[in-house]
């Protein structure tokens, strides 16, 4: 009887631990993007985790993170609900200059030991402007368990109530300007016009459109179905298999974690406040 009770207690603790882990992952998506180097020695080189919302400070934060590091050809693992249009474009150009490989995933520690190697869970969300960060990779890989979703860019302070909001001529000019910048960036990165078409057909009052495997190919968001294998001198990341997620990747709580609350729908829009033009904050920031 005592053995049964002990097993139940251990199982309950595991469930609670996994739930906390899933909650932490969701909270990171709501915070400004954080860049972290994840070491996976001895089997691979490691990778850069880029998790959170793209803000106006993200390009500068990445520059500070990259200073003194040899990031040429590094793998950048994205888990983000989007953010600032122009900041994402600037950040994406930095990734391309590095010749980075981009993918979608969550970095997790597989053991409790502090020095245990980390692995990459291929269950993650890349939405809104994160999709254009994914496009910046010289090589691009999307696991089948990842969710890549698109929609229109919009004025950040009015995306939650877009139909009822009012807009000035200046607002429309700003959105058109940012669409033009995004189009140029898309083609510079080797993306297809289909990506813009799919994105611009989804207004902010509709659910985001999740790209199918065919659409990921059609838009040029995916350029490879494989990543370097562990043990290779040039291996970038731990192998991402197409099998169901196993314990060496991530807990079941993260593998089935709820969707992010709201993707960030924003443009670098300017709105008039008391006769003064002020930069609109991206949705989700105070």
C-alpha atoms as a PDB file:
ATOM      1  CA  UNK A   1       0.000   0.000   0.000  1.00  0.00           C
ATOM      2  CA  UNK A   2       2.799   2.385   0.936  1.00  0.00           C
ATOM      3  CA  UNK A   3       4.514   1.575  -2.345  1.00  0.00           C
ATOM      4  CA  UNK A   4       1.360   2.452  -4.288  1.00  0.00           C
ATOM      5  CA  UNK A   5       1.015   5.761  -2.441  1.00  0.00           C
ATOM      6  CA  UNK A   6       4.660   6.580  -3.072  1.00  0.00           C
ATOM      7  CA  UNK A   7       4.264   5.919  -6.800  1.00  0.00           C
ATOM      8  CA  UNK A   8       1.172   8.134  -6.929  1.00  0.00           C
ATOM      9  CA  UNK A   9       3.045  10.940  -5.192  1.00  0.00           C
ATOM     10  CA  UNK A  10       5.958  10.663  -7.615  1.00  0.00           C
ATOM     11  CA  UNK A  11       3.579  10.687 -10.586  1.00  0.00           C
ATOM     12  CA  UNK A  12       1.765  13.766  -9.238  1.00  0.00           C
ATOM     13  CA  UNK A  13       5.060  15.593  -8.712  1.00  0.00           C
ATOM     14  CA  UNK A  14       6.083  14.787 -12.294  1.00  0.00           C
ATOM     15  CA  UNK A  15       2.795  16.148 -13.661  1.00  0.00           C
ATOM     16  CA  UNK A  16       3.117  19.341 -11.619  1.00  0.00           C
ATOM     17  CA  UNK A  17       6.735  19.772 -12.729  1.00  0.00           C
ATOM     18  CA  UNK A  18       5.768  19.345 -16.379  1.00  0.00           C
ATOM     19  CA  UNK A  19       2.903  21.825 -15.990  1.00  0.00           C
ATOM     20  CA  UNK A  20       5.255  24.414 -14.523  1.00  0.00           C
ATOM     21  CA  UNK A  21       7.658  23.822 -17.429  1.00  0.00           C
ATOM     22  CA  UNK A  22       4.865  24.362 -19.946  1.00  0.00           C
ATOM     23  CA  UNK A  23       3.815  27.527 -18.120  1.00  0.00           C
ATOM     24  CA  UNK A  24       7.362  28.880 -18.247  1.00  0.00           C
ATOM     25  CA  UNK A  25       7.499  28.252 -22.001  1.00  0.00           C
ATOM     26  CA  UNK A  26       4.258  30.173 -22.512  1.00  0.00           C
ATOM     27  CA  UNK A  27       5.461  33.066 -20.362  1.00  0.00           C
ATOM     28  CA  UNK A  28       8.657  33.348 -22.416  1.00  0.00           C
ATOM     29  CA  UNK A  29       6.558  33.881 -25.551  1.00  0.00           C
ATOM     30  CA  UNK A  30       4.986  36.946 -23.946  1.00  0.00           C
ATOM     31  CA  UNK A  31       8.293  38.536 -22.951  1.00  0.00           C
ATOM     32  CA  UNK A  32      10.688  40.524 -25.158  1.00  0.00           C
ATOM     33  CA  UNK A  33      12.832  38.225 -27.278  1.00  0.00           C
ATOM     34  CA  UNK A  34      15.736  36.702 -25.395  1.00  0.00           C
ATOM     35  CA  UNK A  35      18.824  35.244 -27.058  1.00  0.00           C
ATOM     36  CA  UNK A  36      20.587  32.356 -25.347  1.00  0.00           C
ATOM     37  CA  UNK A  37      23.453  30.125 -26.427  1.00  0.00           C
ATOM     38  CA  UNK A  38      22.531  26.473 -25.841  1.00  0.00           C
ATOM     39  CA  UNK A  39      25.456  24.081 -25.562  1.00  0.00           C
ATOM     40  CA  UNK A  40      24.951  20.475 -26.622  1.00  0.00           C
ATOM     41  CA  UNK A  41      28.497  19.133 -26.482  1.00  0.00           C
ATOM     42  CA  UNK A  42      29.943  16.670 -27.250  1.00  0.00           C
ATOM     43  CA  UNK A  43      27.623  15.652 -30.097  1.00  0.00           C
ATOM     44  CA  UNK A  44      27.041  18.996 -31.753  1.00  0.00           C
ATOM     45  CA  UNK A  45      28.049  22.603 -31.905  1.00  0.00           C
ATOM     46  CA  UNK A  46      25.082  24.106 -30.065  1.00  0.00           C
ATOM     47  CA  UNK A  47      22.559  26.706 -31.170  1.00  0.00           C
ATOM     48  CA  UNK A  48      21.027  30.110 -30.449  1.00  0.00           C
ATOM     49  CA  UNK A  49      17.621  30.094 -28.780  1.00  0.00           C
ATOM     50  CA  UNK A  50      15.524  33.117 -29.833  1.00  0.00           C
ATOM     51  CA  UNK A  51      12.309  33.076 -27.794  1.00  0.00           C
ATOM     52  CA  UNK A  52       9.789  35.843 -27.232  1.00  0.00           C
ATOM     53  CA  UNK A  53       8.332  38.946 -28.856  1.00  0.00           C
ATOM     54  CA  UNK A  54      10.384  40.976 -31.319  1.00  0.00           C
ATOM     55  CA  UNK A  55      10.638  44.523 -29.964  1.00  0.00           C
ATOM     56  CA  UNK A  56      12.393  47.657 -31.157  1.00  0.00           C
ATOM     57  CA  UNK A  57      15.319  46.661 -28.917  1.00  0.00           C
ATOM     58  CA  UNK A  58      15.713  43.136 -30.310  1.00  0.00           C
ATOM     59  CA  UNK A  59      18.294  43.964 -33.034  1.00  0.00           C
ATOM     60  CA  UNK A  60      20.431  45.803 -30.480  1.00  0.00           C
ATOM     61  CA  UNK A  61      19.991  42.988 -27.951  1.00  0.00           C
ATOM     62  CA  UNK A  62      21.139  40.485 -30.555  1.00  0.00           C
ATOM     63  CA  UNK A  63      24.182  42.603 -31.410  1.00  0.00           C
ATOM     64  CA  UNK A  64      25.145  42.605 -27.729  1.00  0.00           C
ATOM     65  CA  UNK A  65      24.570  38.856 -27.485  1.00  0.00           C
ATOM     66  CA  UNK A  66      26.632  38.196 -30.632  1.00  0.00           C
ATOM     67  CA  UNK A  67      29.579  40.350 -29.560  1.00  0.00           C
ATOM     68  CA  UNK A  68      32.619  38.134 -29.012  1.00  0.00           C
ATOM     69  CA  UNK A  69      30.856  34.981 -30.233  1.00  0.00           C
ATOM     70  CA  UNK A  70      31.622  33.073 -33.413  1.00  0.00           C
ATOM     71  CA  UNK A  71      28.087  32.769 -34.789  1.00  0.00           C
ATOM     72  CA  UNK A  72      28.836  32.346 -38.482  1.00  0.00           C
ATOM     73  CA  UNK A  73      26.686  29.510 -39.795  1.00  0.00           C
ATOM     74  CA  UNK A  74      25.025  29.016 -36.405  1.00  0.00           C
ATOM     75  CA  UNK A  75      21.579  27.490 -35.970  1.00  0.00           C
ATOM     76  CA  UNK A  76      18.908  29.869 -34.636  1.00  0.00           C
ATOM     77  CA  UNK A  77      15.917  28.204 -32.980  1.00  0.00           C
ATOM     78  CA  UNK A  78      12.756  30.332 -32.995  1.00  0.00           C
ATOM     79  CA  UNK A  79       9.751  30.277 -30.678  1.00  0.00           C
ATOM     80  CA  UNK A  80       7.860  33.552 -31.030  1.00  0.00           C
ATOM     81  CA  UNK A  81       4.442  35.083 -31.540  1.00  0.00           C
ATOM     82  CA  UNK A  82       5.845  37.909 -33.650  1.00  0.00           C
ATOM     83  CA  UNK A  83       6.257  41.596 -32.896  1.00  0.00           C
ATOM     84  CA  UNK A  84       7.620  44.719 -34.543  1.00  0.00           C
ATOM     85  CA  UNK A  85       7.734  44.675 -38.342  1.00  0.00           C
ATOM     86  CA  UNK A  86      10.774  46.866 -38.882  1.00  0.00           C
ATOM     87  CA  UNK A  87      12.712  45.371 -35.958  1.00  0.00           C
ATOM     88  CA  UNK A  88      12.045  41.865 -37.299  1.00  0.00           C
ATOM     89  CA  UNK A  89      13.286  42.922 -40.739  1.00  0.00           C
ATOM     90  CA  UNK A  90      16.467  44.363 -39.220  1.00  0.00           C
ATOM     91  CA  UNK A  91      16.998  41.269 -37.080  1.00  0.00           C
ATOM     92  CA  UNK A  92      16.376  38.967 -40.025  1.00  0.00           C
ATOM     93  CA  UNK A  93      19.031  40.740 -42.078  1.00  0.00           C
ATOM     94  CA  UNK A  94      21.507  40.195 -39.234  1.00  0.00           C
ATOM     95  CA  UNK A  95      20.683  36.468 -39.246  1.00  0.00           C
ATOM     96  CA  UNK A  96      21.236  36.292 -43.002  1.00  0.00           C
ATOM     97  CA  UNK A  97      24.599  38.056 -42.720  1.00  0.00           C
ATOM     98  CA  UNK A  98      25.683  35.223 -40.412  1.00  0.00           C
ATOM     99  CA  UNK A  99      24.629  32.591 -42.942  1.00  0.00           C
ATOM    100  CA  UNK A 100      22.469  31.083 -40.193  1.00  0.00           C
ATOM    101  CA  UNK A 101      20.299  28.003 -40.301  1.00  0.00           C
ATOM    102  CA  UNK A 102      16.854  28.809 -38.895  1.00  0.00           C
ATOM    103  CA  UNK A 103      14.344  26.394 -37.426  1.00  0.00           C
ATOM    104  CA  UNK A 104      11.416  26.310 -34.999  1.00  0.00           C
ATOM    105  CA  UNK A 105      11.698  24.687 -31.582  1.00  0.00           C
ATOM    106  CA  UNK A 106      12.117  25.021 -27.822  1.00  0.00           C
ATOM    107  CA  UNK A 107      15.402  24.378 -26.019  1.00  0.00           C
ATOM    108  CA  UNK A 108      14.942  22.134 -22.991  1.00  0.00           C
ATOM    109  CA  UNK A 109      17.126  20.504 -20.352  1.00  0.00           C
ATOM    110  CA  UNK A 110      16.661  16.756 -20.417  1.00  0.00           C
ATOM    111  CA  UNK A 111      17.970  16.009 -16.924  1.00  0.00           C
ATOM    112  CA  UNK A 112      17.976  17.680 -13.547  1.00  0.00           C
ATOM    113  CA  UNK A 113      21.758  17.827 -13.383  1.00  0.00           C
ATOM    114  CA  UNK A 114      22.945  21.390 -13.856  1.00  0.00           C
ATOM    115  CA  UNK A 115      25.597  20.417 -16.379  1.00  0.00           C
ATOM    116  CA  UNK A 116      23.353  18.080 -18.351  1.00  0.00           C
ATOM    117  CA  UNK A 117      23.225  18.717 -22.106  1.00  0.00           C
ATOM    118  CA  UNK A 118      20.200  20.454 -23.552  1.00  0.00           C
ATOM    119  CA  UNK A 119      18.080  19.168 -26.390  1.00  0.00           C
ATOM    120  CA  UNK A 120      15.702  20.833 -28.794  1.00  0.00           C
ATOM    121  CA  UNK A 121      11.988  20.159 -28.751  1.00  0.00           C
ATOM    122  CA  UNK A 122      10.505  20.507 -32.241  1.00  0.00           C
ATOM    123  CA  UNK A 123       7.122  21.519 -30.761  1.00  0.00           C
ATOM    124  CA  UNK A 124       6.898  25.294 -30.900  1.00  0.00           C
ATOM    125  CA  UNK A 125       5.109  28.232 -32.495  1.00  0.00           C
ATOM    126  CA  UNK A 126       6.455  30.705 -35.029  1.00  0.00           C
ATOM    127  CA  UNK A 127       3.781  33.262 -35.825  1.00  0.00           C
ATOM    128  CA  UNK A 128       3.362  36.620 -37.487  1.00  0.00           C
ATOM    129  CA  UNK A 129       6.742  38.357 -37.951  1.00  0.00           C
ATOM    130  CA  UNK A 130       8.546  35.302 -36.576  1.00  0.00           C
ATOM    131  CA  UNK A 131       7.756  33.660 -39.920  1.00  0.00           C
ATOM    132  CA  UNK A 132       9.866  36.296 -41.660  1.00  0.00           C
ATOM    133  CA  UNK A 133      12.693  35.670 -39.188  1.00  0.00           C
ATOM    134  CA  UNK A 134      12.479  32.013 -40.173  1.00  0.00           C
ATOM    135  CA  UNK A 135      12.797  33.122 -43.793  1.00  0.00           C
ATOM    136  CA  UNK A 136      16.107  34.848 -43.021  1.00  0.00           C
ATOM    137  CA  UNK A 137      17.990  31.574 -42.616  1.00  0.00           C
ATOM    138  CA  UNK A 138      20.327  30.629 -45.429  1.00  0.00           C
ATOM    139  CA  UNK A 139      19.041  27.117 -44.705  1.00  0.00           C
ATOM    140  CA  UNK A 140      15.546  26.677 -43.250  1.00  0.00           C
ATOM    141  CA  UNK A 141      14.051  23.656 -41.512  1.00  0.00           C
ATOM    142  CA  UNK A 142      10.582  23.233 -39.968  1.00  0.00           C
ATOM    143  CA  UNK A 143       9.799  20.067 -37.971  1.00  0.00           C
ATOM    144  CA  UNK A 144       6.407  18.513 -38.677  1.00  0.00           C
ATOM    145  CA  UNK A 145       5.364  19.159 -35.078  1.00  0.00           C
ATOM    146  CA  UNK A 146       6.050  22.904 -35.310  1.00  0.00           C
ATOM    147  CA  UNK A 147       3.295  25.456 -35.981  1.00  0.00           C
ATOM    148  CA  UNK A 148       4.019  28.241 -38.487  1.00  0.00           C
ATOM    149  CA  UNK A 149       1.178  30.772 -38.781  1.00  0.00           C
ATOM    150  CA  UNK A 150       0.633  33.955 -40.762  1.00  0.00           C
ATOM    151  CA  UNK A 151      -1.705  36.968 -40.947  1.00  0.00           C
ATOM    152  CA  UNK A 152      -1.750  40.589 -42.078  1.00  0.00           C
ATOM    153  CA  UNK A 153       0.389  43.192 -40.382  1.00  0.00           C
ATOM    154  CA  UNK A 154      -1.724  45.779 -38.577  1.00  0.00           C
ATOM    155  CA  UNK A 155      -1.520  48.819 -36.345  1.00  0.00           C
ATOM    156  CA  UNK A 156      -0.384  47.357 -33.046  1.00  0.00           C
ATOM    157  CA  UNK A 157      -2.648  49.414 -30.789  1.00  0.00           C
ATOM    158  CA  UNK A 158      -5.797  48.541 -32.773  1.00  0.00           C
ATOM    159  CA  UNK A 159      -5.310  44.909 -33.709  1.00  0.00           C
ATOM    160  CA  UNK A 160      -7.515  43.593 -30.890  1.00  0.00           C
ATOM    161  CA  UNK A 161     -10.507  45.607 -32.085  1.00  0.00           C
ATOM    162  CA  UNK A 162      -9.578  46.247 -35.701  1.00  0.00           C
ATOM    163  CA  UNK A 163     -13.094  46.575 -37.140  1.00  0.00           C
ATOM    164  CA  UNK A 164     -14.294  49.092 -34.579  1.00  0.00           C
ATOM    165  CA  UNK A 165     -11.123  51.198 -34.607  1.00  0.00           C
ATOM    166  CA  UNK A 166     -10.741  54.402 -36.586  1.00  0.00           C
ATOM    167  CA  UNK A 167      -7.873  55.096 -38.988  1.00  0.00           C
ATOM    168  CA  UNK A 168      -6.333  58.197 -40.485  1.00  0.00           C
ATOM    169  CA  UNK A 169      -4.768  58.636 -43.889  1.00  0.00           C
ATOM    170  CA  UNK A 170      -1.390  58.661 -42.164  1.00  0.00           C
ATOM    171  CA  UNK A 171      -2.176  55.270 -40.636  1.00  0.00           C
ATOM    172  CA  UNK A 172      -2.932  53.778 -44.031  1.00  0.00           C
ATOM    173  CA  UNK A 173       0.240  55.240 -45.505  1.00  0.00           C
ATOM    174  CA  UNK A 174       2.257  53.728 -42.660  1.00  0.00           C
ATOM    175  CA  UNK A 175       0.799  50.243 -43.163  1.00  0.00           C
ATOM    176  CA  UNK A 176       1.330  50.449 -46.933  1.00  0.00           C
ATOM    177  CA  UNK A 177       4.920  51.565 -46.364  1.00  0.00           C
ATOM    178  CA  UNK A 178       5.585  48.605 -44.072  1.00  0.00           C
ATOM    179  CA  UNK A 179       4.007  46.163 -46.516  1.00  0.00           C
ATOM    180  CA  UNK A 180       6.387  47.491 -49.161  1.00  0.00           C
ATOM    181  CA  UNK A 181       9.368  47.031 -46.851  1.00  0.00           C
ATOM    182  CA  UNK A 182       8.201  43.533 -45.984  1.00  0.00           C
ATOM    183  CA  UNK A 183       7.787  42.649 -49.669  1.00  0.00           C
ATOM    184  CA  UNK A 184      11.325  43.797 -50.500  1.00  0.00           C
ATOM    185  CA  UNK A 185      12.710  41.867 -47.539  1.00  0.00           C
ATOM    186  CA  UNK A 186      10.789  38.733 -48.548  1.00  0.00           C
ATOM    187  CA  UNK A 187      12.281  38.709 -52.028  1.00  0.00           C
ATOM    188  CA  UNK A 188      15.748  39.638 -50.734  1.00  0.00           C
ATOM    189  CA  UNK A 189      15.612  36.564 -48.477  1.00  0.00           C
ATOM    190  CA  UNK A 190      14.547  34.280 -51.334  1.00  0.00           C
ATOM    191  CA  UNK A 191      10.920  33.993 -50.257  1.00  0.00           C
ATOM    192  CA  UNK A 192       8.064  33.590 -52.706  1.00  0.00           C
ATOM    193  CA  UNK A 193       5.233  36.002 -53.378  1.00  0.00           C
ATOM    194  CA  UNK A 194       2.929  33.246 -52.130  1.00  0.00           C
ATOM    195  CA  UNK A 195       4.085  33.998 -48.568  1.00  0.00           C
ATOM    196  CA  UNK A 196       2.947  37.597 -48.861  1.00  0.00           C
ATOM    197  CA  UNK A 197      -0.298  36.541 -50.535  1.00  0.00           C
ATOM    198  CA  UNK A 198      -1.141  34.026 -47.809  1.00  0.00           C
ATOM    199  CA  UNK A 199      -0.277  36.511 -45.064  1.00  0.00           C
ATOM    200  CA  UNK A 200      -2.107  39.523 -46.487  1.00  0.00           C
ATOM    201  CA  UNK A 201      -5.297  37.509 -47.006  1.00  0.00           C
ATOM    202  CA  UNK A 202      -5.807  37.007 -43.252  1.00  0.00           C
ATOM    203  CA  UNK A 203      -7.267  40.081 -41.476  1.00  0.00           C
ATOM    204  CA  UNK A 204      -6.682  40.571 -37.736  1.00  0.00           C
ATOM    205  CA  UNK A 205     -10.242  39.559 -36.775  1.00  0.00           C
ATOM    206  CA  UNK A 206      -9.760  36.076 -38.237  1.00  0.00           C
ATOM    207  CA  UNK A 207      -7.719  33.184 -36.867  1.00  0.00           C
ATOM    208  CA  UNK A 208      -4.160  32.948 -38.093  1.00  0.00           C
ATOM    209  CA  UNK A 209      -3.582  30.666 -41.043  1.00  0.00           C
ATOM    210  CA  UNK A 210      -1.319  27.708 -40.245  1.00  0.00           C
ATOM    211  CA  UNK A 211       0.863  26.841 -43.197  1.00  0.00           C
ATOM    212  CA  UNK A 212       0.652  23.271 -44.444  1.00  0.00           C
ATOM    213  CA  UNK A 213       3.739  21.304 -45.429  1.00  0.00           C
ATOM    214  CA  UNK A 214       2.965  22.068 -49.083  1.00  0.00           C
ATOM    215  CA  UNK A 215       2.633  25.787 -48.324  1.00  0.00           C
ATOM    216  CA  UNK A 216       5.906  25.804 -46.389  1.00  0.00           C
ATOM    217  CA  UNK A 217       7.562  24.500 -49.538  1.00  0.00           C
ATOM    218  CA  UNK A 218       5.622  26.738 -51.905  1.00  0.00           C
ATOM    219  CA  UNK A 219       6.624  29.860 -49.963  1.00  0.00           C
ATOM    220  CA  UNK A 220      10.292  28.763 -49.760  1.00  0.00           C
ATOM    221  CA  UNK A 221      10.145  28.771 -45.957  1.00  0.00           C
ATOM    222  CA  UNK A 222      11.566  25.243 -45.957  1.00  0.00           C
ATOM    223  CA  UNK A 223      14.746  24.474 -47.867  1.00  0.00           C
ATOM    224  CA  UNK A 224      15.713  21.158 -46.273  1.00  0.00           C
ATOM    225  CA  UNK A 225      14.059  18.150 -44.639  1.00  0.00           C
ATOM    226  CA  UNK A 226      17.148  17.196 -42.676  1.00  0.00           C
ATOM    227  CA  UNK A 227      19.640  18.712 -40.277  1.00  0.00           C
ATOM    228  CA  UNK A 228      23.240  17.608 -39.703  1.00  0.00           C
ATOM    229  CA  UNK A 229      23.433  14.441 -37.630  1.00  0.00           C
ATOM    230  CA  UNK A 230      24.985  14.264 -34.136  1.00  0.00           C
ATOM    231  CA  UNK A 231      28.673  13.442 -34.151  1.00  0.00           C
ATOM    232  CA  UNK A 232      29.403  15.274 -37.379  1.00  0.00           C
ATOM    233  CA  UNK A 233      32.180  17.878 -37.045  1.00  0.00           C
ATOM    234  CA  UNK A 234      29.876  20.427 -38.668  1.00  0.00           C
ATOM    235  CA  UNK A 235      26.715  19.333 -36.875  1.00  0.00           C
ATOM    236  CA  UNK A 236      24.607  22.336 -35.971  1.00  0.00           C
ATOM    237  CA  UNK A 237      21.954  20.802 -33.750  1.00  0.00           C
ATOM    238  CA  UNK A 238      20.843  17.566 -32.217  1.00  0.00           C
ATOM    239  CA  UNK A 239      18.880  15.432 -34.682  1.00  0.00           C
ATOM    240  CA  UNK A 240      15.246  16.467 -35.043  1.00  0.00           C
ATOM    241  CA  UNK A 241      13.410  13.288 -35.988  1.00  0.00           C
ATOM    242  CA  UNK A 242       9.924  13.031 -37.434  1.00  0.00           C
ATOM    243  CA  UNK A 243       8.926  10.462 -34.838  1.00  0.00           C
ATOM    244  CA  UNK A 244       6.569  11.341 -31.960  1.00  0.00           C
ATOM    245  CA  UNK A 245       8.225  13.539 -29.367  1.00  0.00           C
ATOM    246  CA  UNK A 246      10.124  11.399 -26.860  1.00  0.00           C
ATOM    247  CA  UNK A 247      11.499  12.119 -23.407  1.00  0.00           C
ATOM    248  CA  UNK A 248      14.921  13.013 -24.761  1.00  0.00           C
ATOM    249  CA  UNK A 249      13.343  16.010 -26.415  1.00  0.00           C
ATOM    250  CA  UNK A 250      10.709  17.404 -24.071  1.00  0.00           C
ATOM    251  CA  UNK A 251       8.146  16.537 -21.438  1.00  0.00           C
ATOM    252  CA  UNK A 252       4.643  15.600 -22.517  1.00  0.00           C
ATOM    253  CA  UNK A 253       3.357  18.802 -20.946  1.00  0.00           C
ATOM    254  CA  UNK A 254       5.377  20.908 -23.365  1.00  0.00           C
ATOM    255  CA  UNK A 255       4.635  18.613 -26.304  1.00  0.00           C
ATOM    256  CA  UNK A 256       0.916  19.204 -25.781  1.00  0.00           C
ATOM    257  CA  UNK A 257       1.157  22.701 -24.349  1.00  0.00           C
ATOM    258  CA  UNK A 258      -1.730  25.083 -25.062  1.00  0.00           C
ATOM    259  CA  UNK A 259      -1.420  27.565 -27.869  1.00  0.00           C
ATOM    260  CA  UNK A 260      -0.072  31.040 -27.179  1.00  0.00           C
ATOM    261  CA  UNK A 261      -2.772  33.455 -26.038  1.00  0.00           C
ATOM    262  CA  UNK A 262      -2.512  35.981 -28.857  1.00  0.00           C
ATOM    263  CA  UNK A 263       0.074  36.349 -31.601  1.00  0.00           C
ATOM    264  CA  UNK A 264       1.484  39.838 -31.798  1.00  0.00           C
ATOM    265  CA  UNK A 265      -0.128  41.750 -34.641  1.00  0.00           C
ATOM    266  CA  UNK A 266       1.815  44.917 -35.224  1.00  0.00           C
ATOM    267  CA  UNK A 267       3.185  47.330 -37.748  1.00  0.00           C
ATOM    268  CA  UNK A 268       5.630  50.139 -37.090  1.00  0.00           C
ATOM    269  CA  UNK A 269       2.590  52.325 -37.295  1.00  0.00           C
ATOM    270  CA  UNK A 270       2.345  55.942 -36.246  1.00  0.00           C
ATOM    271  CA  UNK A 271      -0.829  57.173 -34.619  1.00  0.00           C
ATOM    272  CA  UNK A 272      -1.929  60.693 -33.731  1.00  0.00           C
ATOM    273  CA  UNK A 273      -2.256  61.307 -29.986  1.00  0.00           C
ATOM    274  CA  UNK A 274      -3.250  64.793 -28.986  1.00  0.00           C
ATOM    275  CA  UNK A 275      -1.922  66.161 -32.261  1.00  0.00           C
ATOM    276  CA  UNK A 276       1.498  64.570 -31.736  1.00  0.00           C
ATOM    277  CA  UNK A 277       2.677  61.600 -33.776  1.00  0.00           C
ATOM    278  CA  UNK A 278       3.836  58.822 -31.466  1.00  0.00           C
ATOM    279  CA  UNK A 279       5.068  55.362 -32.242  1.00  0.00           C
ATOM    280  CA  UNK A 280       2.436  52.692 -31.713  1.00  0.00           C
ATOM    281  CA  UNK A 281       3.508  50.035 -29.236  1.00  0.00           C
ATOM    282  CA  UNK A 282       3.391  46.423 -30.432  1.00  0.00           C
ATOM    283  CA  UNK A 283       0.414  44.519 -29.101  1.00  0.00           C
ATOM    284  CA  UNK A 284       1.007  42.879 -25.764  1.00  0.00           C
ATOM    285  CA  UNK A 285       3.395  45.505 -24.391  1.00  0.00           C
ATOM    286  CA  UNK A 286       2.556  48.128 -21.830  1.00  0.00           C
END
